[in-house]
């Protein structure tokens, strides 16, 4: 944040299997994304990202 970063929070809902839907993000947001912090397994849902999800 001190470097001018803008955090973007992505919901992980039942509809997305409690995983963030990165494919739903706008291309212009992804084009300026420098870093992603992704925590798996998610608490309290316990969803675990499998290798296929991470490769996408």
N, C-alpha and C. Protein backbone atom coordinates (compact mmCIF):
# COMPACT_ATOMS: atom_id res chain seq x y z
N UNK A 1 0.81 -1.18 0.00
CA UNK A 1 0.00 0.00 0.00
C UNK A 1 0.85 1.25 0.00
N UNK A 2 1.98 1.20 0.68
CA UNK A 2 2.85 2.35 0.73
C UNK A 2 3.42 2.68 -0.65
N UNK A 3 3.51 1.71 -1.52
CA UNK A 3 4.05 1.92 -2.86
C UNK A 3 2.96 2.28 -3.86
N UNK A 4 1.75 2.56 -3.38
CA UNK A 4 0.66 2.92 -4.26
C UNK A 4 -0.14 1.74 -4.77
N UNK A 5 0.03 0.60 -4.15
CA UNK A 5 -0.72 -0.59 -4.57
C UNK A 5 -2.19 -0.43 -4.20
N UNK A 6 -3.04 -1.08 -4.96
CA UNK A 6 -4.48 -1.05 -4.72
C UNK A 6 -4.97 -2.48 -4.50
N UNK A 7 -5.31 -2.85 -3.25
CA UNK A 7 -5.77 -4.22 -3.01
C UNK A 7 -7.14 -4.45 -3.64
N UNK A 8 -7.33 -5.63 -4.17
CA UNK A 8 -8.61 -6.04 -4.74
C UNK A 8 -9.00 -7.34 -4.04
N UNK A 9 -10.15 -7.35 -3.43
CA UNK A 9 -10.62 -8.54 -2.73
C UNK A 9 -11.61 -9.28 -3.62
N UNK A 10 -11.44 -10.58 -3.73
CA UNK A 10 -12.29 -11.40 -4.60
C UNK A 10 -13.06 -12.38 -3.72
N UNK A 11 -14.37 -12.36 -3.89
CA UNK A 11 -15.22 -13.25 -3.09
C UNK A 11 -15.01 -14.70 -3.49
N UNK A 12 -15.04 -15.55 -2.50
CA UNK A 12 -15.00 -17.00 -2.73
C UNK A 12 -16.30 -17.55 -2.15
N UNK A 13 -17.27 -17.79 -3.01
CA UNK A 13 -18.61 -18.15 -2.58
C UNK A 13 -18.94 -19.60 -2.89
N UNK A 14 -20.07 -20.03 -2.40
CA UNK A 14 -20.54 -21.39 -2.67
C UNK A 14 -20.62 -21.63 -4.18
N UNK A 15 -21.08 -20.61 -4.94
CA UNK A 15 -21.24 -20.75 -6.39
C UNK A 15 -19.91 -21.00 -7.11
N UNK A 16 -18.82 -20.54 -6.52
CA UNK A 16 -17.50 -20.74 -7.14
C UNK A 16 -16.70 -21.83 -6.43
N UNK A 17 -17.39 -22.65 -5.64
CA UNK A 17 -16.71 -23.72 -4.92
C UNK A 17 -15.80 -23.20 -3.82
N UNK A 18 -16.12 -22.01 -3.31
CA UNK A 18 -15.33 -21.34 -2.27
C UNK A 18 -13.90 -21.06 -2.72
N UNK A 19 -13.74 -20.89 -4.04
CA UNK A 19 -12.45 -20.52 -4.61
C UNK A 19 -12.64 -19.21 -5.38
N UNK A 20 -11.65 -18.33 -5.41
CA UNK A 20 -11.77 -17.10 -6.19
C UNK A 20 -11.94 -17.40 -7.67
N UNK A 21 -12.81 -16.66 -8.33
CA UNK A 21 -13.03 -16.82 -9.77
C UNK A 21 -12.18 -15.78 -10.50
N UNK A 22 -10.90 -16.08 -10.70
CA UNK A 22 -9.99 -15.14 -11.34
C UNK A 22 -10.39 -14.86 -12.79
N UNK A 23 -11.03 -15.82 -13.44
CA UNK A 23 -11.44 -15.64 -14.84
C UNK A 23 -12.54 -14.60 -14.99
N UNK A 24 -13.22 -14.26 -13.91
CA UNK A 24 -14.28 -13.25 -13.96
C UNK A 24 -13.74 -11.83 -13.82
N UNK A 25 -12.45 -11.70 -13.54
CA UNK A 25 -11.86 -10.37 -13.38
C UNK A 25 -11.68 -9.70 -14.74
N UNK A 26 -11.86 -8.39 -14.79
CA UNK A 26 -11.68 -7.67 -16.06
C UNK A 26 -10.23 -7.75 -16.55
N UNK A 27 -10.05 -7.84 -17.85
CA UNK A 27 -8.71 -7.91 -18.45
C UNK A 27 -7.85 -6.73 -18.06
N UNK A 28 -8.43 -5.52 -17.96
CA UNK A 28 -7.64 -4.34 -17.62
C UNK A 28 -7.10 -4.42 -16.19
N UNK A 29 -7.82 -5.09 -15.31
CA UNK A 29 -7.32 -5.29 -13.95
C UNK A 29 -6.17 -6.30 -13.96
N UNK A 30 -6.34 -7.38 -14.68
CA UNK A 30 -5.29 -8.40 -14.76
C UNK A 30 -4.03 -7.86 -15.43
N UNK A 31 -4.18 -6.96 -16.39
CA UNK A 31 -3.03 -6.40 -17.10
C UNK A 31 -2.13 -5.59 -16.17
N UNK A 32 -2.70 -5.01 -15.13
CA UNK A 32 -1.89 -4.20 -14.21
C UNK A 32 -1.63 -4.90 -12.87
N UNK A 33 -1.93 -6.20 -12.81
CA UNK A 33 -1.69 -6.97 -11.60
C UNK A 33 -0.22 -7.37 -11.52
N UNK A 34 0.41 -7.01 -10.40
CA UNK A 34 1.82 -7.33 -10.22
C UNK A 34 2.02 -8.50 -9.25
N UNK A 35 1.04 -8.73 -8.38
CA UNK A 35 1.19 -9.77 -7.38
C UNK A 35 -0.18 -10.28 -6.96
N UNK A 36 -0.25 -11.57 -6.64
CA UNK A 36 -1.46 -12.17 -6.10
C UNK A 36 -1.09 -12.90 -4.82
N UNK A 37 -1.83 -12.63 -3.76
CA UNK A 37 -1.68 -13.38 -2.51
C UNK A 37 -2.88 -14.31 -2.43
N UNK A 38 -2.62 -15.59 -2.46
CA UNK A 38 -3.68 -16.59 -2.50
C UNK A 38 -3.43 -17.58 -1.38
N UNK A 39 -4.40 -17.73 -0.49
CA UNK A 39 -4.26 -18.62 0.66
C UNK A 39 -5.12 -19.87 0.44
N UNK A 40 -4.51 -21.03 0.41
CA UNK A 40 -5.24 -22.28 0.24
C UNK A 40 -4.61 -23.33 1.16
N UNK A 41 -5.34 -24.02 1.98
CA UNK A 41 -6.79 -24.07 2.02
C UNK A 41 -7.37 -22.82 2.66
N UNK A 42 -8.57 -22.48 2.22
CA UNK A 42 -9.27 -21.30 2.72
C UNK A 42 -9.93 -21.63 4.06
N UNK A 43 -9.92 -20.67 4.95
CA UNK A 43 -10.62 -20.82 6.22
C UNK A 43 -11.81 -19.88 6.22
N UNK A 44 -12.95 -20.20 6.72
CA UNK A 44 -13.28 -21.43 7.42
C UNK A 44 -13.83 -22.52 6.51
N UNK A 45 -13.95 -22.26 5.21
CA UNK A 45 -14.59 -23.24 4.32
C UNK A 45 -13.75 -24.48 4.12
N UNK A 46 -12.44 -24.35 4.12
CA UNK A 46 -11.57 -25.50 3.94
C UNK A 46 -11.39 -25.92 2.49
N UNK A 47 -11.78 -25.07 1.54
CA UNK A 47 -11.58 -25.40 0.13
C UNK A 47 -10.09 -25.43 -0.18
N UNK A 48 -9.67 -26.44 -0.91
CA UNK A 48 -8.26 -26.61 -1.26
C UNK A 48 -8.12 -26.52 -2.78
N UNK A 49 -7.22 -25.65 -3.23
CA UNK A 49 -6.98 -25.50 -4.66
C UNK A 49 -6.18 -26.69 -5.17
N UNK A 50 -6.72 -27.36 -6.19
CA UNK A 50 -5.96 -28.47 -6.78
C UNK A 50 -5.03 -27.94 -7.87
N UNK A 51 -4.18 -28.80 -8.40
CA UNK A 51 -3.17 -28.39 -9.36
C UNK A 51 -3.78 -27.81 -10.64
N UNK A 52 -4.89 -28.36 -11.11
CA UNK A 52 -5.55 -27.83 -12.31
C UNK A 52 -6.02 -26.40 -12.09
N UNK A 53 -6.57 -26.12 -10.93
CA UNK A 53 -7.02 -24.76 -10.61
C UNK A 53 -5.83 -23.81 -10.60
N UNK A 54 -4.75 -24.20 -9.97
CA UNK A 54 -3.57 -23.34 -9.87
C UNK A 54 -2.93 -23.09 -11.23
N UNK A 55 -2.97 -24.05 -12.12
CA UNK A 55 -2.37 -23.88 -13.46
C UNK A 55 -3.15 -22.89 -14.31
N UNK A 56 -4.47 -22.80 -14.09
CA UNK A 56 -5.27 -21.84 -14.84
C UNK A 56 -4.87 -20.45 -14.46
